[in-house]
Amino acid sequence: MRKWLILAGAIAMEVVATMALRAAIDNPWWAILTVACYGGAFVSLAMLLRMGAPIGLIYGIWAASGVALTAVLASVIFGEPFTLTIGIGIAIVVTGVVLVETGHSAPSNGAAEAEVNP
């Protein structure tokens, strides 16, 4: 459960950093929040890796969630367009992450034993 909370925090920081980066166009002071939140997101990802979380899973969820949330929030906060094409693109990214993660199957006990004791 702790890993999921850290991952949620990393996602939130990455999205806040990206929104602040966009806001920095009008007010450069937002760049401070951008740097702080991107730094916090990467520290959180590093913590997850030290805790033994698989990088493919963690990075895939982090990246896909960030893309989706950023697109939605940019539309709501900054009035940027959210088109059908953007929605399809987000669906493809999320589907890709699911496919990558479900494509990793753990070896059965017999296969693992065969590698250890040939």
Protein backbone atom coordinates (compact mmCIF):
# COMPACT_ATOMS: atom_id res chain seq x y z
CA MET A 1 0.00 0.00 0.00
CA ARG A 2 2.88 2.38 0.82
CA LYS A 3 4.33 1.95 -2.69
CA TRP A 4 1.03 2.97 -4.29
CA LEU A 5 0.85 6.09 -2.12
CA ILE A 6 4.39 7.08 -3.09
CA LEU A 7 3.56 6.46 -6.74
CA ALA A 8 0.40 8.58 -6.45
CA GLY A 9 2.52 11.35 -4.93
CA ALA A 10 5.05 11.09 -7.77
CA ILE A 11 2.25 11.33 -10.33
CA ALA A 12 0.70 14.32 -8.57
CA MET A 13 4.05 16.12 -8.36
CA GLU A 14 4.79 15.49 -12.02
CA VAL A 15 1.40 16.83 -13.10
CA VAL A 16 1.67 19.89 -10.83
CA ALA A 17 5.17 20.54 -12.20
CA THR A 18 3.92 20.38 -15.77
CA MET A 19 0.99 22.69 -15.03
CA ALA A 20 3.37 25.11 -13.30
CA LEU A 21 5.67 24.96 -16.32
CA ARG A 22 2.76 26.07 -18.50
CA ALA A 23 1.86 28.80 -15.99
CA ALA A 24 5.48 30.02 -16.05
CA ILE A 25 4.86 31.35 -19.56
CA ASP A 26 2.89 34.21 -18.00
CA ASN A 27 4.70 34.41 -14.65
CA PRO A 28 8.27 33.10 -14.40
CA TRP A 29 7.97 32.52 -10.65
CA TRP A 30 6.00 29.33 -11.41
CA ALA A 31 9.31 27.85 -12.57
CA ILE A 32 10.32 27.43 -8.91
CA LEU A 33 7.34 25.11 -8.33
CA THR A 34 8.17 23.32 -11.58
CA VAL A 35 11.71 22.50 -10.45
CA ALA A 36 10.65 21.53 -6.94
CA CYS A 37 7.86 19.22 -8.08
CA TYR A 38 9.87 17.53 -10.84
CA GLY A 39 12.64 16.96 -8.29
CA GLY A 40 10.15 15.52 -5.81
CA ALA A 41 8.67 13.23 -8.46
CA PHE A 42 12.07 11.81 -9.38
CA VAL A 43 13.04 11.36 -5.73
CA SER A 44 9.77 9.47 -5.21
CA LEU A 45 10.47 7.24 -8.23
CA ALA A 46 13.96 6.53 -6.88
CA MET A 47 12.46 5.60 -3.50
CA LEU A 48 10.13 3.14 -5.21
CA LEU A 49 13.02 1.52 -7.05
CA ARG A 50 14.97 1.21 -3.79
CA MET A 51 11.90 -0.47 -2.28
CA GLY A 52 12.08 -3.10 -5.02
CA ALA A 53 9.28 -1.88 -7.28
CA PRO A 54 9.75 -2.98 -10.90
CA ILE A 55 10.83 -0.05 -13.07
CA GLY A 56 8.64 -1.04 -16.04
CA LEU A 57 5.50 -1.03 -13.94
CA ILE A 58 6.30 2.11 -11.96
CA TYR A 59 7.48 4.17 -14.91
CA GLY A 60 4.66 2.99 -17.16
CA ILE A 61 1.95 3.93 -14.68
CA TRP A 62 3.69 7.21 -13.83
CA ALA A 63 4.13 8.26 -17.44
CA ALA A 64 0.68 7.21 -18.69
CA SER A 65 -1.08 8.81 -15.74
CA GLY A 66 0.93 11.99 -16.17
CA VAL A 67 0.06 12.24 -19.87
CA ALA A 68 -3.64 11.67 -19.26
CA LEU A 69 -3.98 14.00 -16.28
CA THR A 70 -1.89 16.72 -17.90
CA ALA A 71 -4.04 16.71 -21.04
CA VAL A 72 -7.27 16.89 -19.03
CA LEU A 73 -6.04 19.58 -16.63
CA ALA A 74 -4.52 21.68 -19.43
CA SER A 75 -7.94 21.72 -21.02
CA VAL A 76 -9.72 22.66 -17.79
CA ILE A 77 -7.19 25.15 -16.40
CA PHE A 78 -5.71 26.72 -19.53
CA GLY A 79 -8.52 26.16 -22.02
CA GLU A 80 -6.35 24.05 -24.29
CA PRO A 81 -8.29 21.84 -26.69
CA PHE A 82 -9.21 18.30 -25.73
CA THR A 83 -10.11 16.67 -29.01
CA LEU A 84 -11.22 13.19 -29.93
CA THR A 85 -7.74 12.58 -31.31
CA ILE A 86 -6.19 13.50 -27.95
CA GLY A 87 -8.62 11.18 -26.17
CA ILE A 88 -7.75 8.33 -28.54
CA GLY A 89 -4.05 9.03 -28.01
CA ILE A 90 -4.47 8.81 -24.23
CA ALA A 91 -6.39 5.55 -24.62
CA ILE A 92 -3.57 4.16 -26.77
CA VAL A 93 -0.93 5.16 -24.20
CA VAL A 94 -2.89 3.58 -21.34
CA THR A 95 -3.54 0.44 -23.41
CA GLY A 96 0.15 0.24 -24.25
CA VAL A 97 1.11 0.35 -20.57
CA VAL A 98 -1.41 -2.39 -19.77
CA LEU A 99 -0.11 -4.54 -22.62
CA VAL A 100 3.51 -4.10 -21.60
CA GLU A 101 2.74 -5.01 -18.01
CA THR A 102 0.53 -8.00 -18.78
CA GLY A 103 3.13 -9.21 -21.29
CA HIS A 104 5.55 -9.89 -18.44
CA SER A 105 4.63 -13.28 -17.13
CA ALA A 106 6.38 -14.81 -14.16
CA PRO A 107 8.08 -18.10 -14.97
CA SER A 108 6.35 -21.14 -13.56
CA ASN A 109 8.07 -22.97 -10.71
CA GLY A 110 9.16 -25.71 -13.07
CA ALA A 111 10.88 -23.24 -15.40
CA ALA A 112 12.63 -21.52 -12.50
CA GLU A 113 13.80 -24.83 -11.08
CA ALA A 114 15.08 -25.94 -14.49
CA GLU A 115 17.22 -22.79 -14.70
CA VAL A 116 18.64 -23.35 -11.21
CA ASN A 117 19.14 -27.13 -11.56
CA PRO A 118 19.82 -27.98 -15.21
